Structure formats: structure tokens, C-alpha cells
Amino acid sequence: MGSETHAILAARRSAWYWLLAELFLTCPNDAFVARWRGDLAFDAGAGGEPAGPLAAEVAALHAALPDADDKPGTTGLAVEYTRLFGAVRTGYGPPPPYESVHRKAMQPGDLVVALNRFYNEAGLAPVDQAVASDHLGVELKFVALLCHAEMEAWQQERAGDARQVLGRQREFFGRHLLPWAPDYLDAVQADTQHPFYRCLALLAHKIISEDHTAVDARNVS
């Protein structure tokens, strides 16, 4: 696999993680629905791009969006987003999407310090100043930025830097994302009352699990 192919793969992975981050970080409104009804309307027949192997999951996510003129549907989607991810009160929805909530073996403060150190050492801090650094959406955005940095390194024929960034991705998966995100996404699927967020949790789980396996298996030389 040459540098150009590595760069294309990294760019594709970056786009997927950025998409997931935006969906987990944004409370739906009319503009949200209009945008994603367009952006998720992938034509899987056109060479499989950009949906590719995830075409069925993306099609299901798109189908679960309300119509652009469905005001009650959009309001219902926003209410469910807040219930699932807003940490309104205990018992109202699943535990919120913060790593420090789900990693019982670590003190929350210690975990956040370690996470911020990881961001700083990668030269990508702050990832998102509007949200706590251990929010799932922020962690997904960080992976997207790492993939983008890997892409740029391959494009500039800096193979050593690209391998270093790829190693950082593996480390982040192992230390932060994998120990909590898949189980959390399973909980969202089981709890949600809206098919859009059921489909989103399923898509995110599949991307994280399969991408981690693929990154772990890559022998970049």
C-alpha cells in the first residue's frame, strides 16, 4: 500500500469520525435536519462512495430523520437528544456521554488530566472548548483530527510522522475510547426511544470496533 492509498484511507476515516462527532455534539433543530437529510443521502450505487461498506447503516440513519417540514418530528428529535446526552437528571435517560462517568476504575479528575495530557502531547488541544474534554463527541473529534494529521503526513511523504500518528491512534483507542465507548453505545441503543439515535449508536459502535481492529492490524512500512 503506497503513501497515496494510505492518505486516502486516513482521509476517509477522518471524515467518518468527524461526522459522528458532529452528530453526538449537536442538538437537532431545523438547520440540523435540513443539513443531514442532504449530507446523509449517500448514493451507495455510485462506486460505494462515500458510504461504502456502511451504506446500509447510513441509509437507516437517513431514513430515521424527520422530514424537513416536520416541526413536531424535529422537536421530538431534540427532546430525545437532550434526554440521552444532556445529563438533565439521574434516571432521565442513560448515564451521560462522558468517559469519567463510565470508567469506574479511575478517579474522574485523574482521567480528565490524563486525557488532556494526551490531547496536548498530540498538539491538538483544545479539541473543543465548548464541551468537556471527556465527552464522547470530543474524543471522536480528536480521532478525526489524528486521522487528518496522518493523511497530511502521507501526502507530504513524511512516512515516519504518519506512522507515529497511527501509533498515537492505537494508543488512544486502547487507553481511552475502547474501554468505555462500545458499552456506552450499547446502552444508548437499548435506552433510546428514537430510531435516529438507535441507528447513530449502532453506526458509531460499528465504526469504532471495526476501525480499531483494522488499525491494530495495519503493518505500515
C-alpha atoms as a PDB file:
ATOM      1  CA  MET A   1       0.000   0.000   0.000  1.00  0.00           C
ATOM      2  CA  GLY A   2       1.577   3.281  -1.129  1.00  0.00           C
ATOM      3  CA  SER A   3       1.513   6.695   0.511  1.00  0.00           C
ATOM      4  CA  GLU A   4      -1.354   7.901  -1.688  1.00  0.00           C
ATOM      5  CA  THR A   5      -3.537   4.952  -0.683  1.00  0.00           C
ATOM      6  CA  HIS A   6      -2.658   5.432   2.985  1.00  0.00           C
ATOM      7  CA  ALA A   7      -3.612   9.117   2.668  1.00  0.00           C
ATOM      8  CA  ILE A   8      -6.974   8.299   1.089  1.00  0.00           C
ATOM      9  CA  LEU A   9      -7.741   5.781   3.816  1.00  0.00           C
ATOM     10  CA  ALA A  10      -6.815   8.262   6.562  1.00  0.00           C
ATOM     11  CA  ALA A  11      -8.954  10.978   4.956  1.00  0.00           C
ATOM     12  CA  ARG A  12     -11.944   8.645   4.769  1.00  0.00           C
ATOM     13  CA  ARG A  13     -11.540   7.650   8.414  1.00  0.00           C
ATOM     14  CA  SER A  14     -11.228  11.285   9.455  1.00  0.00           C
ATOM     15  CA  ALA A  15     -14.477  12.134   7.674  1.00  0.00           C
ATOM     16  CA  TRP A  16     -16.347   9.313   9.423  1.00  0.00           C
ATOM     17  CA  TYR A  17     -15.147  10.283  12.887  1.00  0.00           C
ATOM     18  CA  TRP A  18     -15.903  13.960  12.277  1.00  0.00           C
ATOM     19  CA  LEU A  19     -19.429  13.062  11.135  1.00  0.00           C
ATOM     20  CA  LEU A  20     -20.026  11.014  14.288  1.00  0.00           C
ATOM     21  CA  ALA A  21     -18.604  13.781  16.489  1.00  0.00           C
ATOM     22  CA  GLU A  22     -20.910  16.386  14.998  1.00  0.00           C
ATOM     23  CA  LEU A  23     -23.975  14.188  15.436  1.00  0.00           C
ATOM     24  CA  PHE A  24     -23.165  13.499  19.092  1.00  0.00           C
ATOM     25  CA  LEU A  25     -22.314  17.134  19.841  1.00  0.00           C
ATOM     26  CA  THR A  26     -25.244  18.892  18.145  1.00  0.00           C
ATOM     27  CA  CYS A  27     -28.785  19.234  19.479  1.00  0.00           C
ATOM     28  CA  PRO A  28     -31.115  18.966  16.468  1.00  0.00           C
ATOM     29  CA  ASN A  29     -33.027  21.919  15.029  1.00  0.00           C
ATOM     30  CA  ASP A  30     -34.439  22.754  11.584  1.00  0.00           C
ATOM     31  CA  ALA A  31     -30.989  23.500  10.157  1.00  0.00           C
ATOM     32  CA  PHE A  32     -29.624  20.225  11.561  1.00  0.00           C
ATOM     33  CA  VAL A  33     -32.366  18.192   9.899  1.00  0.00           C
ATOM     34  CA  ALA A  34     -32.014  20.025   6.574  1.00  0.00           C
ATOM     35  CA  ARG A  35     -28.248  19.566   6.551  1.00  0.00           C
ATOM     36  CA  TRP A  36     -28.190  15.899   7.434  1.00  0.00           C
ATOM     37  CA  ARG A  37     -31.054  14.981   5.144  1.00  0.00           C
ATOM     38  CA  GLY A  38     -28.701  16.163   2.405  1.00  0.00           C
ATOM     39  CA  ASP A  39     -25.351  15.013   3.743  1.00  0.00           C
ATOM     40  CA  LEU A  40     -26.553  11.525   4.691  1.00  0.00           C
ATOM     41  CA  ALA A  41     -28.292  10.926   1.361  1.00  0.00           C
ATOM     42  CA  PHE A  42     -25.349   8.912   0.047  1.00  0.00           C
ATOM     43  CA  ASP A  43     -25.731   7.117  -3.258  1.00  0.00           C
ATOM     44  CA  ALA A  44     -24.353   3.692  -2.422  1.00  0.00           C
ATOM     45  CA  GLY A  45     -24.617   2.710  -6.065  1.00  0.00           C
ATOM     46  CA  ALA A  46     -22.061   5.295  -7.186  1.00  0.00           C
ATOM     47  CA  GLY A  47     -18.999   3.168  -6.597  1.00  0.00           C
ATOM     48  CA  GLY A  48     -19.865   2.688  -2.955  1.00  0.00           C
ATOM     49  CA  GLU A  49     -18.570   6.155  -2.027  1.00  0.00           C
ATOM     50  CA  PRO A  50     -18.641   7.720   0.427  1.00  0.00           C
ATOM     51  CA  ALA A  51     -20.769   5.224   2.349  1.00  0.00           C
ATOM     52  CA  GLY A  52     -19.086   2.052   1.102  1.00  0.00           C
ATOM     53  CA  PRO A  53     -19.454  -0.912   3.478  1.00  0.00           C
ATOM     54  CA  LEU A  54     -21.546   1.238   5.837  1.00  0.00           C
ATOM     55  CA  ALA A  55     -24.169   2.077   3.220  1.00  0.00           C
ATOM     56  CA  ALA A  56     -26.955   0.167   4.975  1.00  0.00           C
ATOM     57  CA  GLU A  57     -26.276   1.809   8.341  1.00  0.00           C
ATOM     58  CA  VAL A  58     -26.115   5.281   6.791  1.00  0.00           C
ATOM     59  CA  ALA A  59     -29.321   4.672   4.827  1.00  0.00           C
ATOM     60  CA  ALA A  60     -31.088   3.644   8.047  1.00  0.00           C
ATOM     61  CA  LEU A  61     -29.784   6.756   9.828  1.00  0.00           C
ATOM     62  CA  HIS A  62     -31.003   8.968   6.984  1.00  0.00           C
ATOM     63  CA  ALA A  63     -34.410   7.294   6.913  1.00  0.00           C
ATOM     64  CA  ALA A  64     -34.837   7.916  10.649  1.00  0.00           C
ATOM     65  CA  LEU A  65     -34.552  11.694  10.251  1.00  0.00           C
ATOM     66  CA  PRO A  66     -37.840  13.635  10.229  1.00  0.00           C
ATOM     67  CA  ASP A  67     -38.844  15.405   7.022  1.00  0.00           C
ATOM     68  CA  ALA A  68     -37.559  18.955   6.660  1.00  0.00           C
ATOM     69  CA  ASP A  69     -41.037  20.425   7.227  1.00  0.00           C
ATOM     70  CA  ASP A  70     -41.926  18.108  10.123  1.00  0.00           C
ATOM     71  CA  LYS A  71     -41.677  20.548  13.042  1.00  0.00           C
ATOM     72  CA  PRO A  72     -43.042  18.138  15.687  1.00  0.00           C
ATOM     73  CA  GLY A  73     -40.642  15.478  14.419  1.00  0.00           C
ATOM     74  CA  THR A  74     -37.675  17.824  14.749  1.00  0.00           C
ATOM     75  CA  THR A  75     -38.792  18.883  18.225  1.00  0.00           C
ATOM     76  CA  GLY A  76     -39.126  15.241  19.252  1.00  0.00           C
ATOM     77  CA  LEU A  77     -35.608  14.546  17.986  1.00  0.00           C
ATOM     78  CA  ALA A  78     -34.241  17.467  20.022  1.00  0.00           C
ATOM     79  CA  VAL A  79     -36.077  16.311  23.138  1.00  0.00           C
ATOM     80  CA  GLU A  80     -34.616  12.825  22.767  1.00  0.00           C
ATOM     81  CA  TYR A  81     -31.129  14.245  22.211  1.00  0.00           C
ATOM     82  CA  THR A  82     -31.431  16.199  25.454  1.00  0.00           C
ATOM     83  CA  ARG A  83     -32.757  13.161  27.326  1.00  0.00           C
ATOM     84  CA  LEU A  84     -29.952  10.929  26.083  1.00  0.00           C
ATOM     85  CA  PHE A  85     -26.973  13.267  26.209  1.00  0.00           C
ATOM     86  CA  GLY A  86     -27.949  16.310  28.258  1.00  0.00           C
ATOM     87  CA  ALA A  87     -27.337  14.893  31.763  1.00  0.00           C
ATOM     88  CA  VAL A  88     -30.586  16.555  32.866  1.00  0.00           C
ATOM     89  CA  ARG A  89     -31.032  14.430  35.978  1.00  0.00           C
ATOM     90  CA  THR A  90     -30.305  10.942  37.267  1.00  0.00           C
ATOM     91  CA  GLY A  91     -32.740   8.395  35.859  1.00  0.00           C
ATOM     92  CA  TYR A  92     -33.767  10.598  32.934  1.00  0.00           C
ATOM     93  CA  GLY A  93     -32.007   8.763  30.148  1.00  0.00           C
ATOM     94  CA  PRO A  94     -28.824   6.680  30.284  1.00  0.00           C
ATOM     95  CA  PRO A  95     -25.665   7.879  32.043  1.00  0.00           C
ATOM     96  CA  PRO A  96     -24.247  10.882  30.135  1.00  0.00           C
ATOM     97  CA  PRO A  97     -21.612  10.504  27.408  1.00  0.00           C
ATOM     98  CA  TYR A  98     -18.530  11.284  29.489  1.00  0.00           C
ATOM     99  CA  GLU A  99     -15.655   8.865  29.880  1.00  0.00           C
ATOM    100  CA  SER A 100     -15.194   9.907  33.519  1.00  0.00           C
ATOM    101  CA  VAL A 101     -18.742   8.722  34.289  1.00  0.00           C
ATOM    102  CA  HIS A 102     -18.170   5.265  32.845  1.00  0.00           C
ATOM    103  CA  ARG A 103     -14.572   4.468  33.864  1.00  0.00           C
ATOM    104  CA  LYS A 104     -15.208   3.422  37.450  1.00  0.00           C
ATOM    105  CA  ALA A 105     -11.641   2.208  37.966  1.00  0.00           C
ATOM    106  CA  MET A 106     -10.258   5.739  37.595  1.00  0.00           C
ATOM    107  CA  GLN A 107     -10.870   8.909  39.562  1.00  0.00           C
ATOM    108  CA  PRO A 108     -12.700  11.410  37.310  1.00  0.00           C
ATOM    109  CA  GLY A 109     -10.132  14.128  37.894  1.00  0.00           C
ATOM    110  CA  ASP A 110      -7.208  11.827  37.134  1.00  0.00           C
ATOM    111  CA  LEU A 111      -8.879  10.599  33.969  1.00  0.00           C
ATOM    112  CA  VAL A 112      -9.518  14.102  32.652  1.00  0.00           C
ATOM    113  CA  VAL A 113      -5.925  15.122  33.423  1.00  0.00           C
ATOM    114  CA  ALA A 114      -4.633  12.077  31.511  1.00  0.00           C
ATOM    115  CA  LEU A 115      -6.960  12.783  28.609  1.00  0.00           C
ATOM    116  CA  ASN A 116      -5.949  16.436  28.358  1.00  0.00           C
ATOM    117  CA  ARG A 117      -2.290  15.402  28.502  1.00  0.00           C
ATOM    118  CA  PHE A 118      -2.935  13.089  25.559  1.00  0.00           C
ATOM    119  CA  TYR A 119      -4.521  15.947  23.594  1.00  0.00           C
ATOM    120  CA  ASN A 120      -1.640  18.292  24.447  1.00  0.00           C
ATOM    121  CA  GLU A 121       1.068  15.793  23.532  1.00  0.00           C
ATOM    122  CA  ALA A 122      -0.603  15.293  20.154  1.00  0.00           C
ATOM    123  CA  GLY A 123      -0.526  19.058  19.601  1.00  0.00           C
ATOM    124  CA  LEU A 124      -4.319  19.096  19.152  1.00  0.00           C
ATOM    125  CA  ALA A 125      -5.519  20.814  22.327  1.00  0.00           C
ATOM    126  CA  PRO A 126      -8.025  22.224  22.904  1.00  0.00           C
ATOM    127  CA  VAL A 127     -10.101  19.871  20.758  1.00  0.00           C
ATOM    128  CA  ASP A 128     -13.402  21.604  21.527  1.00  0.00           C
ATOM    129  CA  GLN A 129     -13.631  24.398  24.083  1.00  0.00           C
ATOM    130  CA  ALA A 130     -17.442  24.270  24.264  1.00  0.00           C
ATOM    131  CA  VAL A 131     -17.662  20.751  25.751  1.00  0.00           C
ATOM    132  CA  ALA A 132     -15.869  18.786  28.469  1.00  0.00           C
ATOM    133  CA  SER A 133     -12.784  17.051  27.137  1.00  0.00           C
ATOM    134  CA  ASP A 134     -14.052  13.553  28.035  1.00  0.00           C
ATOM    135  CA  HIS A 135     -17.338  13.860  26.102  1.00  0.00           C
ATOM    136  CA  LEU A 136     -17.721  11.109  23.510  1.00  0.00           C
ATOM    137  CA  GLY A 137     -18.112  13.681  20.738  1.00  0.00           C
ATOM    138  CA  VAL A 138     -14.834  15.361  21.694  1.00  0.00           C
ATOM    139  CA  GLU A 139     -12.982  12.048  21.771  1.00  0.00           C
ATOM    140  CA  LEU A 140     -14.380  11.182  18.343  1.00  0.00           C
ATOM    141  CA  LYS A 141     -13.353  14.611  17.054  1.00  0.00           C
ATOM    142  CA  PHE A 142      -9.846  14.011  18.401  1.00  0.00           C
ATOM    143  CA  VAL A 143      -9.599  10.738  16.450  1.00  0.00           C
ATOM    144  CA  ALA A 144     -10.799  12.601  13.347  1.00  0.00           C
ATOM    145  CA  LEU A 145      -8.030  15.174  13.829  1.00  0.00           C
ATOM    146  CA  LEU A 146      -5.434  12.437  14.321  1.00  0.00           C
ATOM    147  CA  CYS A 147      -6.573  10.760  11.100  1.00  0.00           C
ATOM    148  CA  HIS A 148      -6.361  14.113   9.310  1.00  0.00           C
ATOM    149  CA  ALA A 149      -2.803  14.624  10.604  1.00  0.00           C
ATOM    150  CA  GLU A 150      -1.921  11.134   9.387  1.00  0.00           C
ATOM    151  CA  MET A 151      -3.375  11.959   5.962  1.00  0.00           C
ATOM    152  CA  GLU A 152      -1.297  15.135   5.695  1.00  0.00           C
ATOM    153  CA  ALA A 153       1.866  13.257   6.659  1.00  0.00           C
ATOM    154  CA  TRP A 154       1.307  10.660   3.947  1.00  0.00           C
ATOM    155  CA  GLN A 155       0.540  13.355   1.383  1.00  0.00           C
ATOM    156  CA  GLN A 156       3.810  15.116   2.212  1.00  0.00           C
ATOM    157  CA  GLU A 157       5.788  11.854   2.059  1.00  0.00           C
ATOM    158  CA  ARG A 158       6.575  12.028   5.800  1.00  0.00           C
ATOM    159  CA  ALA A 159       6.146   8.321   6.391  1.00  0.00           C
ATOM    160  CA  GLY A 160       7.815   8.364   9.804  1.00  0.00           C
ATOM    161  CA  ASP A 161       5.446  11.058  11.066  1.00  0.00           C
ATOM    162  CA  ALA A 162       2.475   9.178   9.611  1.00  0.00           C
ATOM    163  CA  ARG A 163       3.471   6.002  11.462  1.00  0.00           C
ATOM    164  CA  GLN A 164       3.882   7.985  14.673  1.00  0.00           C
ATOM    165  CA  VAL A 165       0.363   9.427  14.349  1.00  0.00           C
ATOM    166  CA  LEU A 166      -1.022   5.992  13.571  1.00  0.00           C
ATOM    167  CA  GLY A 167       0.635   4.686  16.726  1.00  0.00           C
ATOM    168  CA  ARG A 168      -0.952   7.519  18.679  1.00  0.00           C
ATOM    169  CA  GLN A 169      -4.341   6.461  17.328  1.00  0.00           C
ATOM    170  CA  ARG A 170      -3.773   2.896  18.538  1.00  0.00           C
ATOM    171  CA  GLU A 171      -2.763   4.196  21.952  1.00  0.00           C
ATOM    172  CA  PHE A 172      -5.824   6.434  22.225  1.00  0.00           C
ATOM    173  CA  PHE A 173      -8.148   3.595  21.302  1.00  0.00           C
ATOM    174  CA  GLY A 174      -6.588   1.376  23.955  1.00  0.00           C
ATOM    175  CA  ARG A 175      -6.306   3.929  26.748  1.00  0.00           C
ATOM    176  CA  HIS A 176      -9.493   5.918  26.295  1.00  0.00           C
ATOM    177  CA  LEU A 177     -12.071   5.145  23.612  1.00  0.00           C
ATOM    178  CA  LEU A 178     -12.399   1.354  23.691  1.00  0.00           C
ATOM    179  CA  PRO A 179     -12.625   0.838  27.476  1.00  0.00           C
ATOM    180  CA  TRP A 180     -15.970   2.651  27.630  1.00  0.00           C
ATOM    181  CA  ALA A 181     -17.471   3.814  24.318  1.00  0.00           C
ATOM    182  CA  PRO A 182     -18.737   0.449  22.925  1.00  0.00           C
ATOM    183  CA  ASP A 183     -20.571  -0.432  26.162  1.00  0.00           C
ATOM    184  CA  TYR A 184     -21.960   3.098  26.379  1.00  0.00           C
ATOM    185  CA  LEU A 185     -23.231   2.926  22.796  1.00  0.00           C
ATOM    186  CA  ASP A 186     -24.909  -0.402  23.566  1.00  0.00           C
ATOM    187  CA  ALA A 187     -26.687   1.325  26.466  1.00  0.00           C
ATOM    188  CA  VAL A 188     -27.874   4.131  24.185  1.00  0.00           C
ATOM    189  CA  GLN A 189     -29.242   1.614  21.686  1.00  0.00           C
ATOM    190  CA  ALA A 190     -31.149  -0.157  24.456  1.00  0.00           C
ATOM    191  CA  ASP A 191     -32.491   3.035  26.032  1.00  0.00           C
ATOM    192  CA  THR A 192     -33.319   5.391  23.178  1.00  0.00           C
ATOM    193  CA  GLN A 193     -36.900   5.999  22.150  1.00  0.00           C
ATOM    194  CA  HIS A 194     -35.989   7.355  18.698  1.00  0.00           C
ATOM    195  CA  PRO A 195     -34.742   5.302  15.719  1.00  0.00           C
ATOM    196  CA  PHE A 196     -32.296   8.043  14.680  1.00  0.00           C
ATOM    197  CA  TYR A 197     -30.245   7.688  17.845  1.00  0.00           C
ATOM    198  CA  ARG A 198     -30.560   3.918  17.801  1.00  0.00           C
ATOM    199  CA  CYS A 199     -29.085   3.965  14.289  1.00  0.00           C
ATOM    200  CA  LEU A 200     -26.420   6.505  15.288  1.00  0.00           C
ATOM    201  CA  ALA A 201     -25.297   4.407  18.256  1.00  0.00           C
ATOM    202  CA  LEU A 202     -25.164   1.299  16.055  1.00  0.00           C
ATOM    203  CA  LEU A 203     -23.158   3.125  13.363  1.00  0.00           C
ATOM    204  CA  ALA A 204     -20.710   4.566  15.900  1.00  0.00           C
ATOM    205  CA  HIS A 205     -20.237   1.176  17.572  1.00  0.00           C
ATOM    206  CA  LYS A 206     -19.507  -0.478  14.243  1.00  0.00           C
ATOM    207  CA  ILE A 207     -17.071   2.214  13.106  1.00  0.00           C
ATOM    208  CA  ILE A 208     -15.135   2.264  16.385  1.00  0.00           C
ATOM    209  CA  SER A 209     -14.944  -1.520  16.741  1.00  0.00           C
ATOM    210  CA  GLU A 210     -14.081  -2.325  13.135  1.00  0.00           C
ATOM    211  CA  ASP A 211     -11.699   0.604  12.702  1.00  0.00           C
ATOM    212  CA  HIS A 212      -9.812  -0.304  15.850  1.00  0.00           C
ATOM    213  CA  THR A 213      -9.344  -3.834  14.543  1.00  0.00           C
ATOM    214  CA  ALA A 214      -8.173  -2.540  11.157  1.00  0.00           C
ATOM    215  CA  VAL A 215      -5.755  -0.019  12.692  1.00  0.00           C
ATOM    216  CA  ASP A 216      -4.354  -2.664  15.024  1.00  0.00           C
ATOM    217  CA  ALA A 217      -3.765  -4.995  12.080  1.00  0.00           C
ATOM    218  CA  ARG A 218      -2.055  -2.444   9.845  1.00  0.00           C
ATOM    219  CA  ASN A 219       1.607  -3.108   9.186  1.00  0.00           C
ATOM    220  CA  VAL A 220       2.732   0.191   7.729  1.00  0.00           C
ATOM    221  CA  SER A 221       6.151   0.058   6.139  1.00  0.00           C
END
